[in-house]
Every structure is written in structure tokens, then in C-alpha cells.
Amino acid sequence: MISLDAGAIRGALSEHVAVRLFSIEVFPEIESTNSYLMQQEAPPPGQARVALTDNQTKGRGRHGRTWQSPPGSGLCVSAGFTFTTQPTNLPALTLAIGLGAIAALEGVGVSGVQLKWPNDLVAGDGKLGGILTETRPHRSGAISIVSGLGINVDLGGKSNPGIETDWAYGIADLAGFVATLPSRHTLATSLVEGLCTTFFDYEASGFEHFAGKWPDRDWLFGRALTIETPQRQVTGVGAGIARDGALLVDTGTGAISRITSGSVIMAGIRETQG
């Protein structure tokens, strides 16, 4: 296995990203790239700070779940960014990060990946990866964000690698989804490029820049769903997202429910027209 090299990754980035990259660090092993960046000094406004590993021992997902990365089986990339002022629709940033990750994968020849609202990457109906976004406000009014992306690259055919066990459709990896795996260097470079570019575009244009790209990536559209929110459970059929990133669910009562916070605890087979 070839070790990732921070200098080589930086050198392969576009000038647009490289000039705004405050720092990039690669770790042979780390508990959590997100936790590490949250503990470091935030990058200056408008710049990004990146940490990568292919061996994460105590990764974190949403709602206290874990995201482990057995040595060499995956890639974990976290990027920190400081917005001068808080964006008007910060919760939708995770959706934008997902779209940026898919664009990065397409850039290295991986097509067909979809998104499960709000933070999962799906390949062939299995969980390929996940996103965790955390915030840190500053007294000046600026706000720093750390978004972490974990992707399964090659699990060696293991059906239960201990990554997250609540995914009903199983775990997917790139090795089982594409004919030829991109090199780790190429994949890492593209993901760093994608994450940083997403931050820059979000600062300039907010979620409006990304909303129109969601329908083509929406794994939940047309599926029977059960959503657990802080207040209640909502059951219906996935009906896309609103312009602000809220999940839309057709409950069959003539009304569309908006879900702004919650977890998909069940997603059935996609409905067909006929």
C-alpha cells in the first residue's frame, strides 16, 4: 500500500484551491480527522485546512455512531473552513458536501453514486460513505466548519467490517462498484479538491448553487420512507428536497411534509410507474 503524501497532493491541486489551502496533513493513523481539526487553530477566513488518513481508529458519525476505517480499507478526509459571516442556510452545507464528493468521484471515473439525505453516499444500494459536519463559532461573528468524509475504498470482501451496522442495505466499497480503482493519491487529491471547492462555492452562493444538482443524485426519491425526527415519526414516500435542503415526504394525505432534522430509519424499494 502506497502512503499518502501531503506535498504530492497539494502539488496536484488546482491553483484555485492550492492558493487557499492553509495546511494539509496526512496521518498514517489517527483517532478521528474531524476531532483533530476541531482541536486545532481554525484556518483564516476564506482558507481551508485539511487532514487525511487511511486508518481512522475512533471516527464519529451522526448521533454518536462510529465510523471506523480498518487500515488501508478506506479514506477519511476532513476539511476545515472559516466563513467570515455565518451563511444563511448552514444546515444544508452537508448536502452540498455530498454533491461535491460525488463530483470528485466522477472526476476519477466513479459514476453512479447517489446521496441519501442528509449525509450518506450510496453505491448500488449499499452505504459507500458518510459525512459529518461540525461548527465552531467565533466572537468576531465568523464561524468555522469542519466537514469529514469517510469512503470505503476496498474492504477486501468483508461483509461486516465494523464501519456502521445500522444500514439496512449493507456496506459498499469502491472496489466492488468500479472496474478499476483510482489510485489512492488520485482519489485523495480529487476529494480534497471537491471539499474545498464546495466550501468556496457555498461561501459565494449558498445552497442555491447546489440545489438543482440534487434530483439526479437523490437515492430516496420515490422510496417508501420512515423518518424519525426530534418530535415524531413521519411515514410516506420520498419527494425530493426543498430549495433550502429540507427533505420532502409525500405522506399520502394530500400534503407534503418538510423534514429539516431527522434520520431515515427505513427506506423501501423504489416505486415504479406502470
C-alpha atoms as a PDB file:
ATOM      1  CA  MET A   1       0.000   0.000   0.000  1.00  0.00           C
ATOM      2  CA  ILE A   2       1.413   3.372  -1.039  1.00  0.00           C
ATOM      3  CA  SER A   3       1.362   6.008   1.698  1.00  0.00           C
ATOM      4  CA  LEU A   4      -0.383   9.273   1.007  1.00  0.00           C
ATOM      5  CA  ASP A   5       1.912  12.273   0.633  1.00  0.00           C
ATOM      6  CA  ALA A   6       0.694  15.722   1.637  1.00  0.00           C
ATOM      7  CA  GLY A   7       3.148  17.537  -0.630  1.00  0.00           C
ATOM      8  CA  ALA A   8       2.213  15.469  -3.661  1.00  0.00           C
ATOM      9  CA  ILE A   9      -1.495  16.042  -3.050  1.00  0.00           C
ATOM     10  CA  ARG A  10      -1.015  19.793  -2.656  1.00  0.00           C
ATOM     11  CA  GLY A  11       1.049  19.883  -5.835  1.00  0.00           C
ATOM     12  CA  ALA A  12      -1.693  18.146  -7.802  1.00  0.00           C
ATOM     13  CA  LEU A  13      -4.480  20.519  -6.737  1.00  0.00           C
ATOM     14  CA  SER A  14      -5.801  23.262  -8.990  1.00  0.00           C
ATOM     15  CA  GLU A  15      -4.303  26.700  -8.414  1.00  0.00           C
ATOM     16  CA  HIS A  16      -7.752  27.920  -7.333  1.00  0.00           C
ATOM     17  CA  VAL A  17      -7.684  25.524  -4.369  1.00  0.00           C
ATOM     18  CA  ALA A  18      -3.934  25.442  -3.674  1.00  0.00           C
ATOM     19  CA  VAL A  19      -3.673  29.197  -3.058  1.00  0.00           C
ATOM     20  CA  ARG A  20      -6.439  28.982  -0.435  1.00  0.00           C
ATOM     21  CA  LEU A  21      -5.165  25.854   1.307  1.00  0.00           C
ATOM     22  CA  PHE A  22      -3.827  26.947   4.695  1.00  0.00           C
ATOM     23  CA  SER A  23      -2.448  23.483   5.529  1.00  0.00           C
ATOM     24  CA  ILE A  24      -2.731  19.818   4.601  1.00  0.00           C
ATOM     25  CA  GLU A  25      -1.650  16.967   6.872  1.00  0.00           C
ATOM     26  CA  VAL A  26      -1.585  13.209   6.285  1.00  0.00           C
ATOM     27  CA  PHE A  27      -1.605  10.723   9.167  1.00  0.00           C
ATOM     28  CA  PRO A  28      -0.679   7.028   8.945  1.00  0.00           C
ATOM     29  CA  GLU A  29      -3.128   6.528  11.821  1.00  0.00           C
ATOM     30  CA  ILE A  30      -5.373   8.872  13.795  1.00  0.00           C
ATOM     31  CA  GLU A  31      -8.408   8.551  16.038  1.00  0.00           C
ATOM     32  CA  SER A  32     -10.509  11.000  14.016  1.00  0.00           C
ATOM     33  CA  THR A  33      -9.606  13.552  11.360  1.00  0.00           C
ATOM     34  CA  ASN A  34     -12.649  15.618  12.331  1.00  0.00           C
ATOM     35  CA  SER A  35     -11.742  15.623  16.030  1.00  0.00           C
ATOM     36  CA  TYR A  36      -8.184  16.593  15.167  1.00  0.00           C
ATOM     37  CA  LEU A  37      -9.207  19.615  13.110  1.00  0.00           C
ATOM     38  CA  MET A  38     -11.759  20.696  15.721  1.00  0.00           C
ATOM     39  CA  GLN A  39      -8.910  20.824  18.244  1.00  0.00           C
ATOM     40  CA  GLN A  40      -6.578  22.860  16.025  1.00  0.00           C
ATOM     41  CA  GLU A  41      -6.490  26.572  15.342  1.00  0.00           C
ATOM     42  CA  ALA A  42      -9.126  27.432  12.762  1.00  0.00           C
ATOM     43  CA  PRO A  43      -7.840  28.490   9.345  1.00  0.00           C
ATOM     44  CA  PRO A  44      -8.004  32.196   8.474  1.00  0.00           C
ATOM     45  CA  PRO A  45     -11.247  33.375   6.846  1.00  0.00           C
ATOM     46  CA  GLY A  46     -11.593  32.129   3.290  1.00  0.00           C
ATOM     47  CA  GLN A  47      -8.951  29.422   3.667  1.00  0.00           C
ATOM     48  CA  ALA A  48      -9.122  25.672   4.241  1.00  0.00           C
ATOM     49  CA  ARG A  49      -7.265  23.252   6.475  1.00  0.00           C
ATOM     50  CA  VAL A  50      -7.218  19.544   5.561  1.00  0.00           C
ATOM     51  CA  ALA A  51      -6.406  16.288   7.360  1.00  0.00           C
ATOM     52  CA  LEU A  52      -6.365  12.814   5.749  1.00  0.00           C
ATOM     53  CA  THR A  53      -5.817   9.215   6.781  1.00  0.00           C
ATOM     54  CA  ASP A  54      -6.498   5.687   5.586  1.00  0.00           C
ATOM     55  CA  ASN A  55      -6.501   4.346   9.152  1.00  0.00           C
ATOM     56  CA  GLN A  56      -9.027   6.034  11.443  1.00  0.00           C
ATOM     57  CA  THR A  57      -9.494   4.271  14.776  1.00  0.00           C
ATOM     58  CA  LYS A  58     -12.222   6.302  16.515  1.00  0.00           C
ATOM     59  CA  GLY A  59     -14.158   8.030  13.772  1.00  0.00           C
ATOM     60  CA  ARG A  60     -17.532   9.546  14.548  1.00  0.00           C
ATOM     61  CA  GLY A  61     -20.812   9.657  12.663  1.00  0.00           C
ATOM     62  CA  ARG A  62     -24.118  11.395  13.341  1.00  0.00           C
ATOM     63  CA  HIS A  63     -25.940  10.824  16.646  1.00  0.00           C
ATOM     64  CA  GLY A  64     -22.894   9.313  18.321  1.00  0.00           C
ATOM     65  CA  ARG A  65     -22.437   6.482  15.843  1.00  0.00           C
ATOM     66  CA  THR A  66     -18.943   5.334  14.908  1.00  0.00           C
ATOM     67  CA  TRP A  67     -17.105   5.354  11.606  1.00  0.00           C
ATOM     68  CA  GLN A  68     -14.099   3.051  11.727  1.00  0.00           C
ATOM     69  CA  SER A  69     -11.598   2.738   8.883  1.00  0.00           C
ATOM     70  CA  PRO A  70      -9.633  -0.519   9.137  1.00  0.00           C
ATOM     71  CA  PRO A  71      -6.047   0.019   7.937  1.00  0.00           C
ATOM     72  CA  GLY A  72      -5.917   0.561   4.194  1.00  0.00           C
ATOM     73  CA  SER A  73      -9.604  -0.164   3.614  1.00  0.00           C
ATOM     74  CA  GLY A  74     -10.922   3.365   3.283  1.00  0.00           C
ATOM     75  CA  LEU A  75     -10.082   7.022   3.043  1.00  0.00           C
ATOM     76  CA  CYS A  76     -11.048   9.689   5.560  1.00  0.00           C
ATOM     77  CA  VAL A  77     -10.746  13.340   4.567  1.00  0.00           C
ATOM     78  CA  SER A  78     -11.704  16.261   6.786  1.00  0.00           C
ATOM     79  CA  ALA A  79     -11.617  19.889   5.720  1.00  0.00           C
ATOM     80  CA  GLY A  80     -11.962  22.931   7.941  1.00  0.00           C
ATOM     81  CA  PHE A  81     -13.053  26.312   6.630  1.00  0.00           C
ATOM     82  CA  THR A  82     -13.764  29.684   8.212  1.00  0.00           C
ATOM     83  CA  PHE A  83     -16.683  31.729   6.890  1.00  0.00           C
ATOM     84  CA  THR A  84     -16.361  35.462   7.558  1.00  0.00           C
ATOM     85  CA  THR A  85     -20.059  35.523   8.455  1.00  0.00           C
ATOM     86  CA  GLN A  86     -22.433  32.623   9.012  1.00  0.00           C
ATOM     87  CA  PRO A  87     -24.145  31.511   5.782  1.00  0.00           C
ATOM     88  CA  THR A  88     -27.905  31.946   5.778  1.00  0.00           C
ATOM     89  CA  ASN A  89     -28.558  28.223   5.355  1.00  0.00           C
ATOM     90  CA  LEU A  90     -25.693  26.489   7.142  1.00  0.00           C
ATOM     91  CA  PRO A  91     -27.508  23.162   7.822  1.00  0.00           C
ATOM     92  CA  ALA A  92     -27.678  22.467   4.080  1.00  0.00           C
ATOM     93  CA  LEU A  93     -23.879  22.581   3.806  1.00  0.00           C
ATOM     94  CA  THR A  94     -23.704  18.823   4.462  1.00  0.00           C
ATOM     95  CA  LEU A  95     -25.895  18.219   1.394  1.00  0.00           C
ATOM     96  CA  ALA A  96     -23.572  20.411  -0.672  1.00  0.00           C
ATOM     97  CA  ILE A  97     -20.550  18.486   0.642  1.00  0.00           C
ATOM     98  CA  GLY A  98     -22.201  15.274  -0.543  1.00  0.00           C
ATOM     99  CA  LEU A  99     -22.687  16.718  -4.014  1.00  0.00           C
ATOM    100  CA  GLY A 100     -19.076  17.906  -4.034  1.00  0.00           C
ATOM    101  CA  ALA A 101     -17.914  14.422  -3.071  1.00  0.00           C
ATOM    102  CA  ILE A 102     -19.884  12.857  -5.934  1.00  0.00           C
ATOM    103  CA  ALA A 103     -18.396  15.356  -8.388  1.00  0.00           C
ATOM    104  CA  ALA A 104     -14.944  14.455  -7.071  1.00  0.00           C
ATOM    105  CA  LEU A 105     -15.635  10.739  -7.551  1.00  0.00           C
ATOM    106  CA  GLU A 106     -16.902  11.331 -11.077  1.00  0.00           C
ATOM    107  CA  GLY A 107     -13.674  13.196 -11.760  1.00  0.00           C
ATOM    108  CA  VAL A 108     -11.717   9.976 -11.162  1.00  0.00           C
ATOM    109  CA  GLY A 109     -14.051   7.738 -13.136  1.00  0.00           C
ATOM    110  CA  VAL A 110     -16.533   6.662 -10.436  1.00  0.00           C
ATOM    111  CA  SER A 111     -20.071   7.246 -11.705  1.00  0.00           C
ATOM    112  CA  GLY A 112     -23.480   6.232 -10.364  1.00  0.00           C
ATOM    113  CA  VAL A 113     -23.019   7.188  -6.707  1.00  0.00           C
ATOM    114  CA  GLN A 114     -26.134   8.679  -5.102  1.00  0.00           C
ATOM    115  CA  LEU A 115     -26.987  10.539  -1.897  1.00  0.00           C
ATOM    116  CA  LYS A 116     -29.274   9.542   0.940  1.00  0.00           C
ATOM    117  CA  TRP A 117     -30.453  12.643   2.750  1.00  0.00           C
ATOM    118  CA  PRO A 118     -28.832  14.107   4.716  1.00  0.00           C
ATOM    119  CA  ASN A 119     -25.322  12.648   4.862  1.00  0.00           C
ATOM    120  CA  ASP A 120     -24.798   9.221   3.258  1.00  0.00           C
ATOM    121  CA  LEU A 121     -23.177   8.250  -0.037  1.00  0.00           C
ATOM    122  CA  VAL A 122     -24.797   5.215  -1.661  1.00  0.00           C
ATOM    123  CA  ALA A 123     -23.366   2.849  -4.276  1.00  0.00           C
ATOM    124  CA  GLY A 124     -25.524   0.033  -5.612  1.00  0.00           C
ATOM    125  CA  ASP A 125     -27.923   0.488  -2.663  1.00  0.00           C
ATOM    126  CA  GLY A 126     -25.108  -0.038  -0.130  1.00  0.00           C
ATOM    127  CA  LYS A 127     -23.532   2.566   2.105  1.00  0.00           C
ATOM    128  CA  LEU A 128     -20.332   3.785   0.460  1.00  0.00           C
ATOM    129  CA  GLY A 129     -19.549   6.652   2.792  1.00  0.00           C
ATOM    130  CA  GLY A 130     -20.765   9.235   5.246  1.00  0.00           C
ATOM    131  CA  ILE A 131     -20.344  12.912   6.088  1.00  0.00           C
ATOM    132  CA  LEU A 132     -20.116  14.618   9.465  1.00  0.00           C
ATOM    133  CA  THR A 133     -20.203  18.422   9.698  1.00  0.00           C
ATOM    134  CA  GLU A 134     -19.370  20.292  12.906  1.00  0.00           C
ATOM    135  CA  THR A 135     -19.334  24.007  13.697  1.00  0.00           C
ATOM    136  CA  ARG A 136     -17.292  26.317  15.883  1.00  0.00           C
ATOM    137  CA  PRO A 137     -18.465  29.960  16.223  1.00  0.00           C
ATOM    138  CA  HIS A 138     -16.106  32.856  16.963  1.00  0.00           C
ATOM    139  CA  ARG A 139     -16.737  36.024  18.943  1.00  0.00           C
ATOM    140  CA  SER A 140     -15.976  38.089  15.842  1.00  0.00           C
ATOM    141  CA  GLY A 141     -19.073  36.668  14.147  1.00  0.00           C
ATOM    142  CA  ALA A 142     -17.053  34.346  11.926  1.00  0.00           C
ATOM    143  CA  ILE A 143     -17.818  30.645  12.058  1.00  0.00           C
ATOM    144  CA  SER A 144     -15.511  27.711  11.401  1.00  0.00           C
ATOM    145  CA  ILE A 145     -16.754  24.454   9.916  1.00  0.00           C
ATOM    146  CA  VAL A 146     -15.178  21.021   9.824  1.00  0.00           C
ATOM    147  CA  SER A 147     -16.694  18.545   7.371  1.00  0.00           C
ATOM    148  CA  GLY A 148     -15.406  14.988   7.398  1.00  0.00           C
ATOM    149  CA  LEU A 149     -15.917  12.478   4.601  1.00  0.00           C
ATOM    150  CA  GLY A 150     -15.287   8.769   5.033  1.00  0.00           C
ATOM    151  CA  ILE A 151     -15.325   6.496   1.962  1.00  0.00           C
ATOM    152  CA  ASN A 152     -14.918   2.731   1.782  1.00  0.00           C
ATOM    153  CA  VAL A 153     -12.281   2.013  -0.837  1.00  0.00           C
ATOM    154  CA  ASP A 154     -11.555  -1.721  -0.580  1.00  0.00           C
ATOM    155  CA  LEU A 155     -12.939  -3.786   2.302  1.00  0.00           C
ATOM    156  CA  GLY A 156     -11.436  -6.990   0.953  1.00  0.00           C
ATOM    157  CA  GLY A 157     -14.809  -8.674   0.528  1.00  0.00           C
ATOM    158  CA  LYS A 158     -15.723  -8.327   4.201  1.00  0.00           C
ATOM    159  CA  SER A 159     -19.481  -8.109   4.706  1.00  0.00           C
ATOM    160  CA  ASN A 160     -19.235  -6.743   8.251  1.00  0.00           C
ATOM    161  CA  PRO A 161     -16.168  -4.517   8.560  1.00  0.00           C
ATOM    162  CA  GLY A 162     -17.481  -2.710  11.660  1.00  0.00           C
ATOM    163  CA  ILE A 163     -17.977   0.630   9.942  1.00  0.00           C
ATOM    164  CA  GLU A 164     -21.642   1.218  10.771  1.00  0.00           C
ATOM    165  CA  THR A 165     -24.102  -1.604  11.239  1.00  0.00           C
ATOM    166  CA  ASP A 166     -27.439   0.264  11.050  1.00  0.00           C
ATOM    167  CA  TRP A 167     -27.510   0.411   7.240  1.00  0.00           C
ATOM    168  CA  ALA A 168     -30.228  -1.975   6.110  1.00  0.00           C
ATOM    169  CA  TYR A 169     -28.812  -2.465   2.614  1.00  0.00           C
ATOM    170  CA  GLY A 170     -25.292  -3.359   3.718  1.00  0.00           C
ATOM    171  CA  ILE A 171     -21.917  -1.764   3.158  1.00  0.00           C
ATOM    172  CA  ALA A 172     -20.473  -0.926  -0.251  1.00  0.00           C
ATOM    173  CA  ASP A 173     -16.926  -0.147  -1.353  1.00  0.00           C
ATOM    174  CA  LEU A 174     -15.389   1.324  -4.478  1.00  0.00           C
ATOM    175  CA  ALA A 175     -13.621  -1.953  -5.270  1.00  0.00           C
ATOM    176  CA  GLY A 176     -16.985  -3.663  -5.690  1.00  0.00           C
ATOM    177  CA  PHE A 177     -18.525  -0.806  -7.642  1.00  0.00           C
ATOM    178  CA  VAL A 178     -15.998   0.094 -10.338  1.00  0.00           C
ATOM    179  CA  ALA A 179     -13.984  -1.971 -12.787  1.00  0.00           C
ATOM    180  CA  THR A 180     -10.723  -0.164 -11.987  1.00  0.00           C
ATOM    181  CA  LEU A 181      -9.944   1.557  -8.701  1.00  0.00           C
ATOM    182  CA  PRO A 182      -8.353   5.013  -8.917  1.00  0.00           C
ATOM    183  CA  SER A 183      -5.042   5.271  -7.106  1.00  0.00           C
ATOM    184  CA  ARG A 184      -5.242   6.480  -3.518  1.00  0.00           C
ATOM    185  CA  HIS A 185      -3.255   9.578  -4.425  1.00  0.00           C
ATOM    186  CA  THR A 186      -5.604  10.406  -7.281  1.00  0.00           C
ATOM    187  CA  LEU A 187      -8.688   9.748  -5.153  1.00  0.00           C
ATOM    188  CA  ALA A 188      -7.385  11.774  -2.206  1.00  0.00           C
ATOM    189  CA  THR A 189      -6.453  14.710  -4.422  1.00  0.00           C
ATOM    190  CA  SER A 190      -9.858  14.770  -6.085  1.00  0.00           C
ATOM    191  CA  LEU A 191     -11.709  14.597  -2.748  1.00  0.00           C
ATOM    192  CA  VAL A 192      -9.642  17.433  -1.267  1.00  0.00           C
ATOM    193  CA  GLU A 193     -10.303  19.481  -4.405  1.00  0.00           C
ATOM    194  CA  GLY A 194     -14.024  18.726  -4.185  1.00  0.00           C
ATOM    195  CA  LEU A 195     -14.410  19.519  -0.484  1.00  0.00           C
ATOM    196  CA  CYS A 196     -12.510  22.791  -0.684  1.00  0.00           C
ATOM    197  CA  THR A 197     -14.308  23.913  -3.847  1.00  0.00           C
ATOM    198  CA  THR A 198     -17.635  23.193  -2.152  1.00  0.00           C
ATOM    199  CA  PHE A 199     -16.706  25.477   0.736  1.00  0.00           C
ATOM    200  CA  PHE A 200     -15.663  28.256  -1.637  1.00  0.00           C
ATOM    201  CA  ASP A 201     -18.829  27.987  -3.734  1.00  0.00           C
ATOM    202  CA  TYR A 202     -21.033  27.807  -0.655  1.00  0.00           C
ATOM    203  CA  GLU A 203     -19.468  30.969   0.741  1.00  0.00           C
ATOM    204  CA  ALA A 204     -20.128  32.755  -2.554  1.00  0.00           C
ATOM    205  CA  SER A 205     -23.614  31.477  -3.403  1.00  0.00           C
ATOM    206  CA  GLY A 206     -25.051  29.351  -0.561  1.00  0.00           C
ATOM    207  CA  PHE A 207     -27.122  26.241  -1.215  1.00  0.00           C
ATOM    208  CA  GLU A 208     -28.805  27.813  -4.231  1.00  0.00           C
ATOM    209  CA  HIS A 209     -25.660  26.942  -6.190  1.00  0.00           C
ATOM    210  CA  PHE A 210     -26.200  23.238  -5.416  1.00  0.00           C
ATOM    211  CA  ALA A 211     -29.961  22.655  -5.082  1.00  0.00           C
ATOM    212  CA  GLY A 212     -30.560  21.973  -8.769  1.00  0.00           C
ATOM    213  CA  LYS A 213     -27.979  19.159  -8.760  1.00  0.00           C
ATOM    214  CA  TRP A 214     -29.717  17.125  -6.068  1.00  0.00           C
ATOM    215  CA  PRO A 215     -32.555  15.443  -8.061  1.00  0.00           C
ATOM    216  CA  ASP A 216     -30.152  13.408 -10.209  1.00  0.00           C
ATOM    217  CA  ARG A 217     -28.414  12.097  -7.058  1.00  0.00           C
ATOM    218  CA  ASP A 218     -31.454  11.542  -4.830  1.00  0.00           C
ATOM    219  CA  TRP A 219     -31.478   7.904  -3.661  1.00  0.00           C
ATOM    220  CA  LEU A 220     -34.609   8.452  -1.543  1.00  0.00           C
ATOM    221  CA  PHE A 221     -36.848   9.796  -4.292  1.00  0.00           C
ATOM    222  CA  GLY A 222     -39.854   7.519  -4.811  1.00  0.00           C
ATOM    223  CA  ARG A 223     -38.947   5.207  -1.932  1.00  0.00           C
ATOM    224  CA  ALA A 224     -41.237   4.350   0.967  1.00  0.00           C
ATOM    225  CA  LEU A 225     -39.724   6.088   3.999  1.00  0.00           C
ATOM    226  CA  THR A 226     -39.947   6.295   7.725  1.00  0.00           C
ATOM    227  CA  ILE A 227     -38.225   9.343   9.192  1.00  0.00           C
ATOM    228  CA  GLU A 228     -37.531   9.798  12.885  1.00  0.00           C
ATOM    229  CA  THR A 229     -37.478  13.469  13.868  1.00  0.00           C
ATOM    230  CA  PRO A 230     -36.982  15.012  17.316  1.00  0.00           C
ATOM    231  CA  GLN A 231     -40.779  15.426  17.576  1.00  0.00           C
ATOM    232  CA  ARG A 232     -42.338  12.470  15.738  1.00  0.00           C
ATOM    233  CA  GLN A 233     -42.078   9.780  13.096  1.00  0.00           C
ATOM    234  CA  VAL A 234     -43.106  10.593   9.534  1.00  0.00           C
ATOM    235  CA  THR A 235     -44.023   7.874   7.038  1.00  0.00           C
ATOM    236  CA  GLY A 236     -44.520   8.364   3.319  1.00  0.00           C
ATOM    237  CA  VAL A 237     -42.675   8.443   0.018  1.00  0.00           C
ATOM    238  CA  GLY A 238     -39.567  10.472  -0.751  1.00  0.00           C
ATOM    239  CA  ALA A 239     -40.497  13.524  -2.831  1.00  0.00           C
ATOM    240  CA  GLY A 240     -37.141  15.260  -3.224  1.00  0.00           C
ATOM    241  CA  ILE A 241     -35.837  18.255  -1.315  1.00  0.00           C
ATOM    242  CA  ALA A 242     -36.913  21.879  -0.999  1.00  0.00           C
ATOM    243  CA  ARG A 243     -34.731  24.726  -2.246  1.00  0.00           C
ATOM    244  CA  ASP A 244     -33.378  25.129   1.290  1.00  0.00           C
ATOM    245  CA  GLY A 245     -32.383  21.448   1.571  1.00  0.00           C
ATOM    246  CA  ALA A 246     -35.308  20.200   3.659  1.00  0.00           C
ATOM    247  CA  LEU A 247     -36.400  16.641   2.859  1.00  0.00           C
ATOM    248  CA  LEU A 248     -39.869  16.432   1.314  1.00  0.00           C
ATOM    249  CA  VAL A 249     -42.079  13.453   2.134  1.00  0.00           C
ATOM    250  CA  ASP A 250     -45.421  12.712   0.492  1.00  0.00           C
ATOM    251  CA  THR A 251     -47.470  11.306   3.378  1.00  0.00           C
ATOM    252  CA  GLY A 252     -50.389  10.306   1.174  1.00  0.00           C
ATOM    253  CA  THR A 253     -52.759  12.717   2.858  1.00  0.00           C
ATOM    254  CA  GLY A 254     -52.606  15.360   0.157  1.00  0.00           C
ATOM    255  CA  ALA A 255     -49.848  17.229   1.961  1.00  0.00           C
ATOM    256  CA  ILE A 256     -46.065  17.235   1.696  1.00  0.00           C
ATOM    257  CA  SER A 257     -44.133  17.163   4.964  1.00  0.00           C
ATOM    258  CA  ARG A 258     -40.904  19.134   5.306  1.00  0.00           C
ATOM    259  CA  ILE A 259     -38.182  17.463   7.371  1.00  0.00           C
ATOM    260  CA  THR A 260     -35.335  19.731   8.421  1.00  0.00           C
ATOM    261  CA  SER A 261     -33.792  17.464  11.057  1.00  0.00           C
ATOM    262  CA  GLY A 262     -34.083  13.729  11.456  1.00  0.00           C
ATOM    263  CA  SER A 263     -32.861  10.280  10.477  1.00  0.00           C
ATOM    264  CA  VAL A 264     -34.144   7.895   7.834  1.00  0.00           C
ATOM    265  CA  ILE A 265     -34.771   4.696   9.784  1.00  0.00           C
ATOM    266  CA  MET A 266     -36.389   2.784   6.904  1.00  0.00           C
ATOM    267  CA  ALA A 267     -36.269   3.155   3.132  1.00  0.00           C
ATOM    268  CA  GLY A 268     -38.126   0.659   0.954  1.00  0.00           C
ATOM    269  CA  ILE A 269     -37.854  -0.339  -2.681  1.00  0.00           C
ATOM    270  CA  ARG A 270     -38.230   2.460  -5.184  1.00  0.00           C
ATOM    271  CA  GLU A 271     -41.733   2.689  -6.596  1.00  0.00           C
ATOM    272  CA  THR A 272     -42.152   2.190 -10.322  1.00  0.00           C
ATOM    273  CA  GLN A 273     -44.594   3.763 -12.718  1.00  0.00           C
ATOM    274  CA  GLY A 274     -46.880   1.468 -14.683  1.00  0.00           C
END
